[in-house]
Protein backbone atom coordinates (compact mmCIF):
# COMPACT_ATOMS: atom_id res chain seq x y z
CA MET A 1 62.17 -26.40 -16.66
CA GLY A 2 63.81 -28.11 -13.69
CA ARG A 3 64.60 -27.00 -10.23
CA PRO A 4 66.07 -23.59 -9.72
CA ILE A 5 69.55 -23.83 -8.32
CA LEU A 6 71.55 -21.55 -6.10
CA ILE A 7 73.51 -18.88 -7.95
CA GLY A 8 76.97 -20.14 -8.81
CA CYS A 9 76.10 -23.83 -8.34
CA ALA A 10 76.48 -26.06 -11.35
CA ASN A 11 74.75 -29.24 -10.17
CA LYS A 12 72.83 -30.87 -7.32
CA ALA A 13 75.98 -32.06 -5.55
CA THR A 14 77.39 -28.54 -5.53
CA THR A 15 74.04 -27.16 -4.36
CA THR A 16 73.92 -29.66 -1.50
CA THR A 17 77.52 -28.95 -0.53
CA THR A 18 76.88 -25.20 -0.58
CA THR A 19 73.73 -25.57 1.51
CA MET A 20 75.45 -27.81 4.04
CA SER A 21 78.38 -25.41 4.39
CA ILE A 22 75.94 -22.51 4.93
CA ILE A 23 74.12 -24.50 7.62
CA ALA A 24 77.40 -25.51 9.29
CA THR A 25 78.57 -21.88 9.29
CA PHE A 26 75.25 -20.74 10.76
CA LEU A 27 75.43 -23.36 13.51
CA CYS A 28 79.02 -22.39 14.33
CA LEU A 29 78.04 -18.73 14.58
CA VAL A 30 75.02 -19.45 16.80
CA THR A 31 77.19 -21.65 19.03
CA ALA A 32 79.80 -18.89 19.32
CA ILE A 33 77.13 -16.32 20.19
CA ILE A 34 75.57 -18.55 22.84
CA PHE A 35 78.99 -19.32 24.33
CA SER A 36 79.98 -15.64 24.36
CA TYR A 37 76.81 -14.42 26.04
CA THR A 38 76.89 -17.23 28.58
CA LYS A 39 80.47 -16.32 29.45
CA ILE A 40 79.52 -12.63 29.72
CA PHE A 41 76.68 -13.41 32.12
CA PHE A 42 78.85 -15.65 34.32
CA ASN A 43 81.66 -13.09 34.41
CA LEU A 44 79.18 -10.33 35.21
CA ARG A 45 77.67 -12.35 38.05
CA ARG A 46 81.14 -13.22 39.39
CA HIS A 47 82.23 -9.58 39.22
CA GLU A 48 79.07 -8.42 40.97
CA ASN A 49 79.64 -10.96 43.78
CA GLN A 50 83.28 -9.88 44.14
CA VAL A 51 82.28 -6.23 44.41
CA GLN A 52 79.65 -7.02 47.02
CA ASP A 53 82.10 -9.17 49.02
CA HIS A 54 84.88 -6.56 49.07
CA VAL A 55 82.81 -3.45 49.65
CA GLN A 56 80.92 -3.18 52.90
CA GLN A 57 79.09 -0.04 51.90
CA PRO A 58 77.69 -0.46 48.42
CA ASN A 59 78.97 2.05 45.91
CA PRO A 60 75.98 3.37 43.95
CA ARG A 61 78.17 4.13 40.95
CA ASN A 62 79.45 0.53 40.75
CA GLN A 63 75.92 -0.83 41.07
CA LEU A 64 74.73 1.56 38.37
CA ASN A 65 77.50 0.44 36.00
CA ILE A 66 76.68 -3.21 36.59
CA ALA A 67 72.97 -2.56 36.07
CA ARG A 68 73.68 -0.67 32.82
CA TYR A 69 75.94 -3.46 31.61
CA LYS A 70 73.29 -6.08 32.42
CA LYS A 71 70.71 -4.07 30.49
CA ALA A 72 73.05 -3.70 27.50
CA VAL A 73 73.75 -7.44 27.46
CA SER A 74 70.04 -8.16 27.76
CA SER A 75 69.29 -5.85 24.83
CA ALA A 76 71.96 -7.50 22.71
CA ILE A 77 70.54 -10.93 23.49
CA TRP A 78 67.04 -9.80 22.47
CA LEU A 79 68.44 -8.52 19.17
CA GLN A 80 70.31 -11.78 18.57
CA LEU A 81 67.25 -13.89 19.38
CA THR A 82 65.14 -11.82 17.02
CA LEU A 83 67.75 -12.23 14.31
CA VAL A 84 67.80 -16.01 14.76
CA ALA A 85 63.99 -16.20 14.94
CA CYS A 86 63.67 -14.28 11.67
CA TYR A 87 66.48 -15.97 9.72
CA LEU A 88 66.24 -19.57 10.94
CA PRO A 89 62.96 -20.41 9.15
CA TYR A 90 64.42 -19.12 5.89
CA GLY A 91 67.50 -21.27 6.41
CA VAL A 92 65.35 -24.32 7.01
CA VAL A 93 63.34 -23.68 3.84
CA ALA A 94 66.53 -23.11 1.83
CA ALA A 95 68.00 -26.35 3.17
CA SER A 96 64.75 -28.17 2.35
CA HIS A 97 64.85 -26.77 -1.16
CA ALA A 98 68.29 -28.27 -1.66
CA ARG A 99 67.08 -31.70 -0.54
CA ILE A 100 63.62 -32.03 -2.11
CA GLU A 101 61.79 -30.93 -5.24
CA LEU A 102 60.24 -27.50 -5.33
CA SER A 103 56.53 -27.72 -4.54
CA PRO A 104 53.87 -25.02 -4.22
CA SER A 105 53.94 -25.33 -0.43
CA LEU A 106 57.74 -24.99 -0.36
CA LEU A 107 57.51 -21.99 -2.67
CA ASN A 108 54.92 -20.38 -0.35
CA ALA A 109 57.08 -21.16 2.66
CA GLY A 110 60.01 -19.50 0.89
CA ILE A 111 57.94 -16.37 0.28
CA TYR A 112 56.71 -16.19 3.87
CA THR A 113 60.11 -16.83 5.40
CA ALA A 114 61.72 -14.24 3.11
CA THR A 115 59.11 -11.78 4.39
CA LEU A 116 60.13 -12.72 7.92
CA VAL A 117 63.77 -11.95 7.05
CA PHE A 118 62.73 -8.50 5.85
CA LEU A 119 60.58 -8.05 8.95
CA ASN A 120 63.73 -8.36 11.06
CA SER A 121 64.83 -4.95 9.79
CA SER A 122 61.56 -3.46 11.02
CA LEU A 123 61.71 -5.17 14.38
CA ASN A 124 65.20 -3.92 15.27
CA PRO A 125 64.21 -0.25 15.79
CA LEU A 126 61.24 -1.38 17.90
CA LEU A 127 63.54 -3.49 20.06
CA TYR A 128 65.97 -0.61 20.44
CA CYS A 129 63.12 1.67 21.56
CA TRP A 130 61.81 -0.93 23.96
CA LYS A 131 65.11 -1.88 25.55
CA LEU A 132 67.20 1.32 25.47
CA ASP A 133 66.04 4.41 27.35
CA GLU A 134 68.42 6.70 25.46
CA VAL A 135 66.96 5.70 22.10
CA ARG A 136 63.42 6.09 23.43
CA GLN A 137 64.18 9.59 24.72
CA ALA A 138 65.85 10.62 21.46
CA ILE A 139 62.82 9.48 19.46
CA ARG A 140 60.49 11.39 21.78
CA GLN A 141 62.59 14.52 21.31
CA VAL A 142 62.57 14.16 17.53
CA LEU A 143 58.82 13.55 17.44
CA CYS A 144 58.13 16.48 19.77
CA LEU A 145 60.26 18.77 17.63
CA ARG A 146 58.65 17.51 14.45
CA PHE A 147 55.02 17.77 15.53
CA PHE A 148 55.05 20.61 18.03
CA SER A 149 57.34 23.09 16.31
């Protein structure tokens, strides 16, 4: 019958406008995330240098807090990168769909990229286990209780 259109869009112009606004929103969000994490890393580095300059004997508690904060920021960045890696291909295919006719290869790409979006939900727990010791220990405790009780 014709091209499928996005829900709520009446014609091609509306579809294109909707797609472009989704892409612009996505780019703004990614830019804000990159800016925020860059600022966090620079502030963390500056704070660490200030602590080292002012304290002649290093305080193990301060160093531990900074190390924990660095690890938390690193974990958050991994989660954000995974989110972008899983959702960006789908966004590209959706944008392509708005610009060109639906073809079998575009339909297949849509199916594969949608699968990648769903895969993101499966990757998050794995990332949490890999990056966060507390989560890893809690899972070990649950598994030990489950299988050895």
